[in-house]
Amino acid sequence: MIVGVLDIELYIPNSNSLKTKRFAIKSLKDRLKYRFNIAVAETDHTDKWQRSTLGVAAVSNDTKHVGNILDNVMKHIYSDYRVEVIRSTRIFY
């Protein structure tokens, strides 16, 4: 069993309140879960208006498949106009 994990730190430039930030992050998390069948959670910066850290996990029996899923997740996040990626880390177990 191969587990791929992404740790993604995001900047939300148009957020002017926690309500706006939570709406953008919830929408992004829901789309990622539905589209890629992965686990997603906000793991840090929950009390800051314009920052968030997402944890993403994908499981498969093939390292290449997990890598492709995580690549597509990152492409999807980069294409979202509401967020900017500050940094991302990828780990396989």
C-alpha atoms as a PDB file:
ATOM      1  CA  MET A   1       0.000   0.000   0.000  1.00  0.00           C
ATOM      2  CA  ILE A   2       1.352   3.420  -1.014  1.00  0.00           C
ATOM      3  CA  VAL A   3       0.199   6.603   0.725  1.00  0.00           C
ATOM      4  CA  GLY A   4       0.967   9.968  -0.859  1.00  0.00           C
ATOM      5  CA  VAL A   5       0.685  13.104   1.243  1.00  0.00           C
ATOM      6  CA  LEU A   6       0.701  16.754   0.185  1.00  0.00           C
ATOM      7  CA  ASP A   7       1.170  19.628   2.598  1.00  0.00           C
ATOM      8  CA  ILE A   8       0.105  22.814   0.789  1.00  0.00           C
ATOM      9  CA  GLU A   9       0.345  26.312   2.225  1.00  0.00           C
ATOM     10  CA  LEU A  10      -2.032  28.751   0.547  1.00  0.00           C
ATOM     11  CA  TYR A  11      -2.492  32.510   0.400  1.00  0.00           C
ATOM     12  CA  ILE A  12      -6.038  33.789  -0.176  1.00  0.00           C
ATOM     13  CA  PRO A  13      -5.535  37.373  -1.456  1.00  0.00           C
ATOM     14  CA  ASN A  14      -9.187  38.444  -1.730  1.00  0.00           C
ATOM     15  CA  SER A  15     -10.194  37.249   1.719  1.00  0.00           C
ATOM     16  CA  ASN A  16     -11.196  40.038   4.093  1.00  0.00           C
ATOM     17  CA  SER A  17     -12.756  37.899   6.829  1.00  0.00           C
ATOM     18  CA  LEU A  18     -12.691  34.378   8.213  1.00  0.00           C
ATOM     19  CA  LYS A  19     -16.114  33.807   6.637  1.00  0.00           C
ATOM     20  CA  THR A  20     -14.783  34.603   3.150  1.00  0.00           C
ATOM     21  CA  LYS A  21     -11.711  32.448   3.700  1.00  0.00           C
ATOM     22  CA  ARG A  22     -13.723  29.490   4.985  1.00  0.00           C
ATOM     23  CA  PHE A  23     -16.068  29.677   2.008  1.00  0.00           C
ATOM     24  CA  ALA A  24     -13.147  29.582  -0.449  1.00  0.00           C
ATOM     25  CA  ILE A  25     -11.336  26.769   1.385  1.00  0.00           C
ATOM     26  CA  LYS A  26     -14.486  24.663   1.860  1.00  0.00           C
ATOM     27  CA  SER A  27     -15.330  25.008  -1.818  1.00  0.00           C
ATOM     28  CA  LEU A  28     -11.799  23.984  -2.832  1.00  0.00           C
ATOM     29  CA  LYS A  29     -11.742  21.025  -0.428  1.00  0.00           C
ATOM     30  CA  ASP A  30     -15.146  19.769  -1.614  1.00  0.00           C
ATOM     31  CA  ARG A  31     -14.123  19.971  -5.282  1.00  0.00           C
ATOM     32  CA  LEU A  32     -10.864  18.123  -4.622  1.00  0.00           C
ATOM     33  CA  LYS A  33     -12.616  15.353  -2.658  1.00  0.00           C
ATOM     34  CA  TYR A  34     -15.274  14.885  -5.335  1.00  0.00           C
ATOM     35  CA  ARG A  35     -12.977  15.063  -8.345  1.00  0.00           C
ATOM     36  CA  PHE A  36     -10.012  13.002  -7.107  1.00  0.00           C
ATOM     37  CA  ASN A  37     -11.497  10.770  -4.359  1.00  0.00           C
ATOM     38  CA  ILE A  38      -8.894  11.865  -1.802  1.00  0.00           C
ATOM     39  CA  ALA A  39      -8.852  12.991   1.823  1.00  0.00           C
ATOM     40  CA  VAL A  40      -8.417  16.749   2.385  1.00  0.00           C
ATOM     41  CA  ALA A  41      -8.275  18.730   5.628  1.00  0.00           C
ATOM     42  CA  GLU A  42      -7.304  22.231   6.701  1.00  0.00           C
ATOM     43  CA  THR A  43      -4.386  21.579   9.042  1.00  0.00           C
ATOM     44  CA  ASP A  44      -2.979  24.992   9.997  1.00  0.00           C
ATOM     45  CA  HIS A  45      -3.644  28.764   9.961  1.00  0.00           C
ATOM     46  CA  THR A  46      -7.312  28.196  10.747  1.00  0.00           C
ATOM     47  CA  ASP A  47      -7.602  31.569  12.493  1.00  0.00           C
ATOM     48  CA  LYS A  48      -5.877  33.724   9.852  1.00  0.00           C
ATOM     49  CA  TRP A  49      -7.883  35.522   7.176  1.00  0.00           C
ATOM     50  CA  GLN A  50      -5.561  35.100   4.211  1.00  0.00           C
ATOM     51  CA  ARG A  51      -3.577  31.931   4.955  1.00  0.00           C
ATOM     52  CA  SER A  52      -4.397  28.251   5.065  1.00  0.00           C
ATOM     53  CA  THR A  53      -2.573  24.948   5.037  1.00  0.00           C
ATOM     54  CA  LEU A  54      -4.205  21.907   3.472  1.00  0.00           C
ATOM     55  CA  GLY A  55      -3.261  18.303   4.042  1.00  0.00           C
ATOM     56  CA  VAL A  56      -4.087  15.937   1.173  1.00  0.00           C
ATOM     57  CA  ALA A  57      -3.784  12.124   1.255  1.00  0.00           C
ATOM     58  CA  ALA A  58      -4.154   9.593  -1.555  1.00  0.00           C
ATOM     59  CA  VAL A  59      -3.839   5.797  -1.250  1.00  0.00           C
ATOM     60  CA  SER A  60      -3.173   3.191  -3.933  1.00  0.00           C
ATOM     61  CA  ASN A  61      -1.145   0.065  -4.588  1.00  0.00           C
ATOM     62  CA  ASP A  62       0.971   1.857  -7.226  1.00  0.00           C
ATOM     63  CA  THR A  63       3.415   4.709  -6.549  1.00  0.00           C
ATOM     64  CA  LYS A  64       3.014   6.075 -10.079  1.00  0.00           C
ATOM     65  CA  HIS A  65      -0.776   6.242  -9.710  1.00  0.00           C
ATOM     66  CA  VAL A  66      -0.526   8.120  -6.408  1.00  0.00           C
ATOM     67  CA  GLY A  67       2.011  10.496  -7.970  1.00  0.00           C
ATOM     68  CA  ASN A  68      -0.340  11.195 -10.881  1.00  0.00           C
ATOM     69  CA  ILE A  69      -3.228  11.910  -8.506  1.00  0.00           C
ATOM     70  CA  LEU A  70      -1.131  14.347  -6.476  1.00  0.00           C
ATOM     71  CA  ASP A  71       0.142  16.033  -9.665  1.00  0.00           C
ATOM     72  CA  ASN A  72      -3.438  16.552 -10.836  1.00  0.00           C
ATOM     73  CA  VAL A  73      -4.462  17.876  -7.411  1.00  0.00           C
ATOM     74  CA  MET A  74      -1.676  20.464  -7.582  1.00  0.00           C
ATOM     75  CA  LYS A  75      -2.666  21.475 -11.146  1.00  0.00           C
ATOM     76  CA  HIS A  76      -6.242  21.945  -9.973  1.00  0.00           C
ATOM     77  CA  ILE A  77      -5.167  24.090  -7.019  1.00  0.00           C
ATOM     78  CA  TYR A  78      -2.861  26.208  -9.199  1.00  0.00           C
ATOM     79  CA  SER A  79      -5.778  26.822 -11.591  1.00  0.00           C
ATOM     80  CA  ASP A  80      -8.055  28.120  -8.807  1.00  0.00           C
ATOM     81  CA  TYR A  81      -8.059  31.935  -9.052  1.00  0.00           C
ATOM     82  CA  ARG A  82      -9.005  32.375  -5.373  1.00  0.00           C
ATOM     83  CA  VAL A  83      -5.803  30.920  -3.918  1.00  0.00           C
ATOM     84  CA  GLU A  84      -2.056  31.177  -4.462  1.00  0.00           C
ATOM     85  CA  VAL A  85       0.323  28.388  -3.495  1.00  0.00           C
ATOM     86  CA  ILE A  86       3.073  29.565  -1.140  1.00  0.00           C
ATOM     87  CA  ARG A  87       4.733  26.167  -0.766  1.00  0.00           C
ATOM     88  CA  SER A  88       3.986  22.494  -1.133  1.00  0.00           C
ATOM     89  CA  THR A  89       5.631  19.329   0.139  1.00  0.00           C
ATOM     90  CA  ARG A  90       5.083  15.802  -1.174  1.00  0.00           C
ATOM     91  CA  ILE A  91       5.843  12.649   0.826  1.00  0.00           C
ATOM     92  CA  PHE A  92       5.285   8.978   0.010  1.00  0.00           C
ATOM     93  CA  TYR A  93       4.928   6.268   2.642  1.00  0.00           C
END
